[in-house]
Amino acid sequence: MEKVIDVIGKKVLEISGEDLESKINTFRHLVASLKQDREDIAYLIEDGLGMLCLKAKEMLKVFEEKEILRIKQCLQDYFEKNPDTSPTVLRNEMQGIIKQEIVKGFDDFRKDTDRVISKNIQEAVNLFLGRSNDIIHEFKTAVEILFELPMAQFEYSIDILKYSSFYCIVQEHKVTSGNEFKFILRTFLSQSISRKLVLHEMMAGMTSDVSRNCDRILCDLTSGICTTIEYYSQQLKGLGNSFITQIENSIQRGQL
């Protein structure tokens, strides 16, 4: 590339004043067009990857509804299969079931989600790279025609950005003596009713845990996607800059 750039400098020396001014103006128009194309691609990247945030939200909504029903069924099954278990033991055992099932469910969901999101990001980046290289090729071809000389092939590439991983937080649902109503119920009601009360509390607590972790994973995914958009947008700002700068410097040297 350097040798070709030096040739451009020599070429400038051979061009007449009026013709040189015309070529320089044309080159400036080419640079302006390249910068506009970069802005257009940046917008497309932001729009394309931004749609992934909506897709992630929709996926989580469906997952949350199914996961709550699934774990409720797990708790109901345990409740019915262990009719003689005391309320205290029932609570401890159900707490373990909730933690185990939430971690399992979210681990499976995250693996599937990572696959989908990563695939969509890769497709968006491939389109971005393809269009970016087309722009550079078009720009290079125009410069070759403008200065009547061949230039080395240029290929634009970037690294794929990885976003952070997600982990679950499951709250331990304990009996609090501050709630007088529930305290009285646990003290005076039969074991059968107390067991049903525990089942109700565990299901409510589980629902809260699932919803809270869905909010956390959506925040994590959205943050990762936004970081990805910012990363590629920043990468795009430098598209062709080195190429442009070298040619501009070469023209300046040829004018000295």
C-alpha atoms as a PDB file:
ATOM      1  CA  MET A   1       0.000   0.000   0.000  1.00  0.00           C
ATOM      2  CA  GLU A   2       2.814   2.453   0.889  1.00  0.00           C
ATOM      3  CA  LYS A   3       4.434   2.144  -2.517  1.00  0.00           C
ATOM      4  CA  VAL A   4       1.131   2.804  -4.250  1.00  0.00           C
ATOM      5  CA  ILE A   5       0.512   5.804  -2.024  1.00  0.00           C
ATOM      6  CA  ASP A   6       3.953   7.137  -2.955  1.00  0.00           C
ATOM      7  CA  VAL A   7       2.995   6.681  -6.606  1.00  0.00           C
ATOM      8  CA  ILE A   8      -0.089   8.840  -5.992  1.00  0.00           C
ATOM      9  CA  GLY A   9       2.215  11.555  -4.666  1.00  0.00           C
ATOM     10  CA  LYS A  10       4.295  11.362  -7.829  1.00  0.00           C
ATOM     11  CA  LYS A  11       1.148  11.303  -9.919  1.00  0.00           C
ATOM     12  CA  VAL A  12       0.008  14.553  -8.304  1.00  0.00           C
ATOM     13  CA  LEU A  13       3.232  16.198  -9.511  1.00  0.00           C
ATOM     14  CA  GLU A  14       2.358  15.278 -13.100  1.00  0.00           C
ATOM     15  CA  ILE A  15      -1.196  16.643 -13.011  1.00  0.00           C
ATOM     16  CA  SER A  16      -1.918  20.191 -14.114  1.00  0.00           C
ATOM     17  CA  GLY A  17      -3.316  22.682 -11.616  1.00  0.00           C
ATOM     18  CA  GLU A  18      -6.907  22.691 -12.881  1.00  0.00           C
ATOM     19  CA  ASP A  19      -7.038  18.933 -13.379  1.00  0.00           C
ATOM     20  CA  LEU A  20      -5.468  18.369  -9.946  1.00  0.00           C
ATOM     21  CA  GLU A  21      -8.060  20.585  -8.271  1.00  0.00           C
ATOM     22  CA  SER A  22     -10.817  18.618 -10.009  1.00  0.00           C
ATOM     23  CA  LYS A  23      -9.365  15.295  -8.858  1.00  0.00           C
ATOM     24  CA  ILE A  24      -8.925  16.545  -5.284  1.00  0.00           C
ATOM     25  CA  ASN A  25     -12.531  17.772  -5.223  1.00  0.00           C
ATOM     26  CA  THR A  26     -13.684  14.436  -6.594  1.00  0.00           C
ATOM     27  CA  PHE A  27     -11.656  12.636  -3.932  1.00  0.00           C
ATOM     28  CA  ARG A  28     -13.293  14.764  -1.234  1.00  0.00           C
ATOM     29  CA  HIS A  29     -16.719  13.832  -2.579  1.00  0.00           C
ATOM     30  CA  LEU A  30     -15.700  10.165  -2.459  1.00  0.00           C
ATOM     31  CA  VAL A  31     -14.619  10.561   1.168  1.00  0.00           C
ATOM     32  CA  ALA A  32     -17.892  12.316   2.053  1.00  0.00           C
ATOM     33  CA  SER A  33     -19.837   9.499   0.382  1.00  0.00           C
ATOM     34  CA  LEU A  34     -17.844   6.903   2.326  1.00  0.00           C
ATOM     35  CA  LYS A  35     -18.587   8.681   5.614  1.00  0.00           C
ATOM     36  CA  GLN A  36     -22.297   8.836   4.770  1.00  0.00           C
ATOM     37  CA  ASP A  37     -22.286   5.125   3.982  1.00  0.00           C
ATOM     38  CA  ARG A  38     -20.658   4.492   7.359  1.00  0.00           C
ATOM     39  CA  GLU A  39     -23.440   6.419   9.102  1.00  0.00           C
ATOM     40  CA  ASP A  40     -26.064   4.442   7.191  1.00  0.00           C
ATOM     41  CA  ILE A  41     -24.491   1.136   8.233  1.00  0.00           C
ATOM     42  CA  ALA A  42     -24.248   2.303  11.848  1.00  0.00           C
ATOM     43  CA  TYR A  43     -27.972   3.038  11.797  1.00  0.00           C
ATOM     44  CA  LEU A  44     -28.737  -0.386  10.317  1.00  0.00           C
ATOM     45  CA  ILE A  45     -26.585  -2.081  12.965  1.00  0.00           C
ATOM     46  CA  GLU A  46     -28.334  -0.210  15.759  1.00  0.00           C
ATOM     47  CA  ASP A  47     -31.753  -0.981  14.302  1.00  0.00           C
ATOM     48  CA  GLY A  48     -30.969  -4.650  13.610  1.00  0.00           C
ATOM     49  CA  LEU A  49     -29.342  -5.438  16.940  1.00  0.00           C
ATOM     50  CA  GLY A  50     -31.871  -3.274  18.763  1.00  0.00           C
ATOM     51  CA  MET A  51     -34.603  -5.618  17.532  1.00  0.00           C
ATOM     52  CA  LEU A  52     -32.851  -8.376  19.472  1.00  0.00           C
ATOM     53  CA  CYS A  53     -33.797  -6.609  22.716  1.00  0.00           C
ATOM     54  CA  LEU A  54     -37.464  -6.973  21.781  1.00  0.00           C
ATOM     55  CA  LYS A  55     -36.886 -10.576  20.757  1.00  0.00           C
ATOM     56  CA  ALA A  56     -35.187 -11.321  24.090  1.00  0.00           C
ATOM     57  CA  LYS A  57     -38.092  -9.720  25.958  1.00  0.00           C
ATOM     58  CA  GLU A  58     -40.625 -11.844  24.065  1.00  0.00           C
ATOM     59  CA  MET A  59     -38.602 -15.019  24.676  1.00  0.00           C
ATOM     60  CA  LEU A  60     -38.417 -14.262  28.401  1.00  0.00           C
ATOM     61  CA  LYS A  61     -42.140 -13.570  28.666  1.00  0.00           C
ATOM     62  CA  VAL A  62     -42.956 -16.971  27.175  1.00  0.00           C
ATOM     63  CA  PHE A  63     -40.291 -18.668  29.314  1.00  0.00           C
ATOM     64  CA  GLU A  64     -41.510 -17.011  32.536  1.00  0.00           C
ATOM     65  CA  GLU A  65     -45.085 -18.188  32.048  1.00  0.00           C
ATOM     66  CA  LYS A  66     -44.035 -21.765  31.217  1.00  0.00           C
ATOM     67  CA  GLU A  67     -41.442 -21.922  34.001  1.00  0.00           C
ATOM     68  CA  ILE A  68     -43.861 -20.772  36.708  1.00  0.00           C
ATOM     69  CA  LEU A  69     -46.407 -23.407  35.622  1.00  0.00           C
ATOM     70  CA  ARG A  70     -43.717 -26.103  35.457  1.00  0.00           C
ATOM     71  CA  ILE A  71     -42.322 -25.461  38.934  1.00  0.00           C
ATOM     72  CA  LYS A  72     -45.791 -25.054  40.429  1.00  0.00           C
ATOM     73  CA  GLN A  73     -46.535 -28.534  39.132  1.00  0.00           C
ATOM     74  CA  CYS A  74     -43.303 -29.835  40.707  1.00  0.00           C
ATOM     75  CA  LEU A  75     -44.333 -28.369  44.080  1.00  0.00           C
ATOM     76  CA  GLN A  76     -47.884 -29.691  43.759  1.00  0.00           C
ATOM     77  CA  ASP A  77     -46.592 -33.177  42.894  1.00  0.00           C
ATOM     78  CA  TYR A  78     -44.286 -33.207  45.916  1.00  0.00           C
ATOM     79  CA  PHE A  79     -47.095 -31.944  48.145  1.00  0.00           C
ATOM     80  CA  GLU A  80     -49.453 -34.716  47.046  1.00  0.00           C
ATOM     81  CA  LYS A  81     -46.837 -37.494  47.195  1.00  0.00           C
ATOM     82  CA  ASN A  82     -45.809 -36.602  50.765  1.00  0.00           C
ATOM     83  CA  PRO A  83     -49.095 -36.203  52.694  1.00  0.00           C
ATOM     84  CA  ASP A  84     -47.554 -36.970  56.097  1.00  0.00           C
ATOM     85  CA  THR A  85     -44.659 -34.465  55.891  1.00  0.00           C
ATOM     86  CA  SER A  86     -44.836 -31.768  58.570  1.00  0.00           C
ATOM     87  CA  PRO A  87     -45.216 -28.108  57.506  1.00  0.00           C
ATOM     88  CA  THR A  88     -41.656 -27.321  58.622  1.00  0.00           C
ATOM     89  CA  VAL A  89     -40.096 -30.187  56.658  1.00  0.00           C
ATOM     90  CA  LEU A  90     -42.401 -29.436  53.747  1.00  0.00           C
ATOM     91  CA  ARG A  91     -41.153 -25.863  53.658  1.00  0.00           C
ATOM     92  CA  ASN A  92     -37.487 -26.903  53.718  1.00  0.00           C
ATOM     93  CA  GLU A  93     -37.964 -29.547  51.056  1.00  0.00           C
ATOM     94  CA  MET A  94     -39.930 -27.231  48.778  1.00  0.00           C
ATOM     95  CA  GLN A  95     -37.306 -24.545  49.204  1.00  0.00           C
ATOM     96  CA  GLY A  96     -34.746 -27.017  47.881  1.00  0.00           C
ATOM     97  CA  ILE A  97     -37.018 -27.973  44.977  1.00  0.00           C
ATOM     98  CA  ILE A  98     -37.530 -24.315  44.046  1.00  0.00           C
ATOM     99  CA  LYS A  99     -33.802 -23.594  44.041  1.00  0.00           C
ATOM    100  CA  GLN A 100     -32.974 -26.734  42.061  1.00  0.00           C
ATOM    101  CA  GLU A 101     -35.692 -26.228  39.454  1.00  0.00           C
ATOM    102  CA  ILE A 102     -35.081 -22.502  38.972  1.00  0.00           C
ATOM    103  CA  VAL A 103     -31.340 -23.004  38.467  1.00  0.00           C
ATOM    104  CA  LYS A 104     -31.990 -25.903  36.072  1.00  0.00           C
ATOM    105  CA  GLY A 105     -34.651 -24.007  34.127  1.00  0.00           C
ATOM    106  CA  PHE A 106     -32.619 -20.833  33.756  1.00  0.00           C
ATOM    107  CA  ASP A 107     -29.444 -22.719  32.851  1.00  0.00           C
ATOM    108  CA  ASP A 108     -31.280 -24.469  30.011  1.00  0.00           C
ATOM    109  CA  PHE A 109     -32.950 -21.237  28.941  1.00  0.00           C
ATOM    110  CA  ARG A 110     -29.684 -19.292  28.943  1.00  0.00           C
ATOM    111  CA  LYS A 111     -27.955 -21.892  26.795  1.00  0.00           C
ATOM    112  CA  ASP A 112     -30.778 -21.731  24.246  1.00  0.00           C
ATOM    113  CA  THR A 113     -30.921 -17.933  24.451  1.00  0.00           C
ATOM    114  CA  ASP A 114     -27.160 -17.575  24.063  1.00  0.00           C
ATOM    115  CA  ARG A 115     -27.377 -19.692  20.935  1.00  0.00           C
ATOM    116  CA  VAL A 116     -30.212 -17.621  19.451  1.00  0.00           C
ATOM    117  CA  ILE A 117     -28.775 -14.210  20.387  1.00  0.00           C
ATOM    118  CA  SER A 118     -25.244 -15.132  19.314  1.00  0.00           C
ATOM    119  CA  LYS A 119     -26.575 -16.452  15.991  1.00  0.00           C
ATOM    120  CA  ASN A 120     -28.528 -13.232  15.389  1.00  0.00           C
ATOM    121  CA  ILE A 121     -25.549 -11.063  16.350  1.00  0.00           C
ATOM    122  CA  GLN A 122     -23.272 -13.083  14.065  1.00  0.00           C
ATOM    123  CA  GLU A 123     -25.712 -12.695  11.166  1.00  0.00           C
ATOM    124  CA  ALA A 124     -25.982  -8.946  11.766  1.00  0.00           C
ATOM    125  CA  VAL A 125     -22.199  -8.591  11.983  1.00  0.00           C
ATOM    126  CA  ASN A 126     -21.709 -10.644   8.815  1.00  0.00           C
ATOM    127  CA  LEU A 127     -24.067  -8.305   6.965  1.00  0.00           C
ATOM    128  CA  PHE A 128     -22.239  -5.354   8.480  1.00  0.00           C
ATOM    129  CA  LEU A 129     -18.833  -6.701   7.436  1.00  0.00           C
ATOM    130  CA  GLY A 130     -20.075  -7.575   3.964  1.00  0.00           C
ATOM    131  CA  ARG A 131     -21.479  -4.108   3.377  1.00  0.00           C
ATOM    132  CA  SER A 132     -18.409  -2.470   4.933  1.00  0.00           C
ATOM    133  CA  ASN A 133     -16.062  -4.351   2.624  1.00  0.00           C
ATOM    134  CA  ASP A 134     -18.287  -3.521  -0.354  1.00  0.00           C
ATOM    135  CA  ILE A 135     -18.008   0.172   0.554  1.00  0.00           C
ATOM    136  CA  ILE A 136     -14.235  -0.021   0.897  1.00  0.00           C
ATOM    137  CA  HIS A 137     -13.959  -1.892  -2.398  1.00  0.00           C
ATOM    138  CA  GLU A 138     -16.152   0.695  -4.149  1.00  0.00           C
ATOM    139  CA  PHE A 139     -14.108   3.505  -2.643  1.00  0.00           C
ATOM    140  CA  LYS A 140     -10.807   1.852  -3.621  1.00  0.00           C
ATOM    141  CA  THR A 141     -12.038   1.262  -7.181  1.00  0.00           C
ATOM    142  CA  ALA A 142     -13.104   4.906  -7.490  1.00  0.00           C
ATOM    143  CA  VAL A 143      -9.683   6.087  -6.258  1.00  0.00           C
ATOM    144  CA  GLU A 144      -7.957   3.743  -8.723  1.00  0.00           C
ATOM    145  CA  ILE A 145      -9.975   5.249 -11.568  1.00  0.00           C
ATOM    146  CA  LEU A 146      -9.424   8.772 -10.282  1.00  0.00           C
ATOM    147  CA  PHE A 147      -5.636   8.491 -10.069  1.00  0.00           C
ATOM    148  CA  GLU A 148      -5.295   5.914 -12.883  1.00  0.00           C
ATOM    149  CA  LEU A 149      -3.365   3.276 -10.966  1.00  0.00           C
ATOM    150  CA  PRO A 150      -4.069  -0.095  -9.261  1.00  0.00           C
ATOM    151  CA  MET A 151      -4.138  -0.361  -5.462  1.00  0.00           C
ATOM    152  CA  ALA A 152      -3.655  -3.329  -3.133  1.00  0.00           C
ATOM    153  CA  GLN A 153      -6.709  -5.286  -1.996  1.00  0.00           C
ATOM    154  CA  PHE A 154      -8.137  -4.171   1.338  1.00  0.00           C
ATOM    155  CA  GLU A 155     -10.245  -6.400   3.631  1.00  0.00           C
ATOM    156  CA  TYR A 156     -12.000  -5.055   6.709  1.00  0.00           C
ATOM    157  CA  SER A 157     -12.386  -7.386   9.710  1.00  0.00           C
ATOM    158  CA  ILE A 158     -13.268  -7.168  13.413  1.00  0.00           C
ATOM    159  CA  ASP A 159     -13.515  -9.505  16.405  1.00  0.00           C
ATOM    160  CA  ILE A 160     -16.870 -10.749  17.678  1.00  0.00           C
ATOM    161  CA  LEU A 161     -17.680  -9.263  21.074  1.00  0.00           C
ATOM    162  CA  LYS A 162     -18.761 -11.636  23.860  1.00  0.00           C
ATOM    163  CA  TYR A 163     -21.243 -10.472  26.459  1.00  0.00           C
ATOM    164  CA  SER A 164     -21.390 -11.454  30.139  1.00  0.00           C
ATOM    165  CA  SER A 165     -22.932 -14.623  31.561  1.00  0.00           C
ATOM    166  CA  PHE A 166     -26.029 -14.785  33.743  1.00  0.00           C
ATOM    167  CA  TYR A 167     -26.481 -16.421  37.136  1.00  0.00           C
ATOM    168  CA  CYS A 168     -29.622 -17.015  39.226  1.00  0.00           C
ATOM    169  CA  ILE A 169     -30.481 -15.672  42.661  1.00  0.00           C
ATOM    170  CA  VAL A 170     -33.071 -17.666  44.616  1.00  0.00           C
ATOM    171  CA  GLN A 171     -34.395 -16.138  47.815  1.00  0.00           C
ATOM    172  CA  GLU A 172     -34.816 -18.337  50.882  1.00  0.00           C
ATOM    173  CA  HIS A 173     -38.427 -17.930  51.999  1.00  0.00           C
ATOM    174  CA  LYS A 174     -38.501 -18.051  55.794  1.00  0.00           C
ATOM    175  CA  VAL A 175     -41.314 -17.670  58.280  1.00  0.00           C
ATOM    176  CA  THR A 176     -41.257 -14.218  59.902  1.00  0.00           C
ATOM    177  CA  SER A 177     -42.807 -13.711  63.323  1.00  0.00           C
ATOM    178  CA  GLY A 178     -43.692 -10.133  62.384  1.00  0.00           C
ATOM    179  CA  ASN A 179     -46.688 -11.312  60.365  1.00  0.00           C
ATOM    180  CA  GLU A 180     -49.177 -11.904  63.203  1.00  0.00           C
ATOM    181  CA  PHE A 181     -51.878 -13.314  60.952  1.00  0.00           C
ATOM    182  CA  LYS A 182     -49.701 -16.094  59.555  1.00  0.00           C
ATOM    183  CA  PHE A 183     -48.162 -16.704  62.960  1.00  0.00           C
ATOM    184  CA  ILE A 184     -51.614 -17.323  64.446  1.00  0.00           C
ATOM    185  CA  LEU A 185     -52.557 -19.603  61.567  1.00  0.00           C
ATOM    186  CA  ARG A 186     -49.451 -21.718  62.025  1.00  0.00           C
ATOM    187  CA  THR A 187     -50.038 -21.949  65.757  1.00  0.00           C
ATOM    188  CA  PHE A 188     -53.716 -22.947  65.859  1.00  0.00           C
ATOM    189  CA  LEU A 189     -54.623 -24.484  62.490  1.00  0.00           C
ATOM    190  CA  SER A 190     -54.438 -28.190  61.767  1.00  0.00           C
ATOM    191  CA  GLN A 191     -51.387 -29.691  60.072  1.00  0.00           C
ATOM    192  CA  SER A 192     -53.420 -30.216  56.910  1.00  0.00           C
ATOM    193  CA  ILE A 193     -54.313 -26.529  56.654  1.00  0.00           C
ATOM    194  CA  SER A 194     -50.796 -25.452  57.653  1.00  0.00           C
ATOM    195  CA  ARG A 195     -49.382 -27.611  54.887  1.00  0.00           C
ATOM    196  CA  LYS A 196     -51.663 -25.932  52.338  1.00  0.00           C
ATOM    197  CA  LEU A 197     -50.562 -22.552  53.649  1.00  0.00           C
ATOM    198  CA  VAL A 198     -46.914 -23.550  53.165  1.00  0.00           C
ATOM    199  CA  LEU A 199     -47.677 -24.732  49.624  1.00  0.00           C
ATOM    200  CA  HIS A 200     -49.366 -21.418  48.840  1.00  0.00           C
ATOM    201  CA  GLU A 201     -46.439 -19.401  50.262  1.00  0.00           C
ATOM    202  CA  MET A 202     -43.840 -21.463  48.415  1.00  0.00           C
ATOM    203  CA  MET A 203     -45.657 -21.074  45.118  1.00  0.00           C
ATOM    204  CA  ALA A 204     -45.946 -17.321  45.623  1.00  0.00           C
ATOM    205  CA  GLY A 205     -42.290 -17.063  46.592  1.00  0.00           C
ATOM    206  CA  MET A 206     -41.230 -19.175  43.613  1.00  0.00           C
ATOM    207  CA  THR A 207     -43.256 -16.986  41.246  1.00  0.00           C
ATOM    208  CA  SER A 208     -41.476 -13.932  42.638  1.00  0.00           C
ATOM    209  CA  ASP A 209     -38.064 -15.613  42.225  1.00  0.00           C
ATOM    210  CA  VAL A 210     -38.748 -16.575  38.611  1.00  0.00           C
ATOM    211  CA  SER A 211     -40.022 -13.086  37.722  1.00  0.00           C
ATOM    212  CA  ARG A 212     -37.080 -11.390  39.431  1.00  0.00           C
ATOM    213  CA  ASN A 213     -34.549 -13.563  37.627  1.00  0.00           C
ATOM    214  CA  CYS A 214     -36.330 -12.956  34.321  1.00  0.00           C
ATOM    215  CA  ASP A 215     -35.925  -9.221  34.941  1.00  0.00           C
ATOM    216  CA  ARG A 216     -32.240  -9.754  35.708  1.00  0.00           C
ATOM    217  CA  ILE A 217     -31.571 -11.856  32.624  1.00  0.00           C
ATOM    218  CA  LEU A 218     -33.415  -9.341  30.422  1.00  0.00           C
ATOM    219  CA  CYS A 219     -31.272  -6.558  31.888  1.00  0.00           C
ATOM    220  CA  ASP A 220     -28.138  -8.630  31.266  1.00  0.00           C
ATOM    221  CA  LEU A 221     -29.086  -9.452  27.678  1.00  0.00           C
ATOM    222  CA  THR A 222     -30.160  -5.889  26.895  1.00  0.00           C
ATOM    223  CA  SER A 223     -26.956  -4.518  28.376  1.00  0.00           C
ATOM    224  CA  GLY A 224     -24.907  -7.015  26.351  1.00  0.00           C
ATOM    225  CA  ILE A 225     -26.710  -6.161  23.122  1.00  0.00           C
ATOM    226  CA  CYS A 226     -26.322  -2.403  23.745  1.00  0.00           C
ATOM    227  CA  THR A 227     -22.622  -2.909  24.461  1.00  0.00           C
ATOM    228  CA  THR A 228     -22.350  -4.863  21.203  1.00  0.00           C
ATOM    229  CA  ILE A 229     -24.058  -2.054  19.266  1.00  0.00           C
ATOM    230  CA  GLU A 230     -21.704   0.525  20.788  1.00  0.00           C
ATOM    231  CA  TYR A 231     -18.667  -1.672  20.107  1.00  0.00           C
ATOM    232  CA  TYR A 232     -19.441  -2.157  16.415  1.00  0.00           C
ATOM    233  CA  SER A 233     -20.482   1.459  15.979  1.00  0.00           C
ATOM    234  CA  GLN A 234     -17.102   2.537  17.330  1.00  0.00           C
ATOM    235  CA  GLN A 235     -15.352   0.046  15.044  1.00  0.00           C
ATOM    236  CA  LEU A 236     -17.287   1.423  12.105  1.00  0.00           C
ATOM    237  CA  LYS A 237     -16.132   4.981  12.765  1.00  0.00           C
ATOM    238  CA  GLY A 238     -12.635   3.970  11.727  1.00  0.00           C
ATOM    239  CA  LEU A 239     -13.683   2.255   8.500  1.00  0.00           C
ATOM    240  CA  GLY A 240     -11.346   3.451   5.749  1.00  0.00           C
ATOM    241  CA  ASN A 241      -9.769   6.217   7.876  1.00  0.00           C
ATOM    242  CA  SER A 242      -6.241   4.869   7.534  1.00  0.00           C
ATOM    243  CA  PHE A 243      -6.735   4.495   3.788  1.00  0.00           C
ATOM    244  CA  ILE A 244      -8.088   8.046   3.469  1.00  0.00           C
ATOM    245  CA  THR A 245      -5.352   9.562   5.625  1.00  0.00           C
ATOM    246  CA  GLN A 246      -2.588   7.927   3.610  1.00  0.00           C
ATOM    247  CA  ILE A 247      -4.012   9.206   0.328  1.00  0.00           C
ATOM    248  CA  GLU A 248      -4.521  12.712   1.758  1.00  0.00           C
ATOM    249  CA  ASN A 249      -0.929  12.769   3.022  1.00  0.00           C
ATOM    250  CA  SER A 250       0.292  11.535  -0.330  1.00  0.00           C
ATOM    251  CA  ILE A 251      -1.587  14.311  -2.155  1.00  0.00           C
ATOM    252  CA  GLN A 252      -0.162  16.891   0.233  1.00  0.00           C
ATOM    253  CA  ARG A 253       3.375  15.629  -0.309  1.00  0.00           C
ATOM    254  CA  GLY A 254       2.865  15.768  -4.069  1.00  0.00           C
ATOM    255  CA  GLN A 255       1.725  19.401  -3.804  1.00  0.00           C
ATOM    256  CA  LEU A 256       4.798  20.531  -1.864  1.00  0.00           C
END
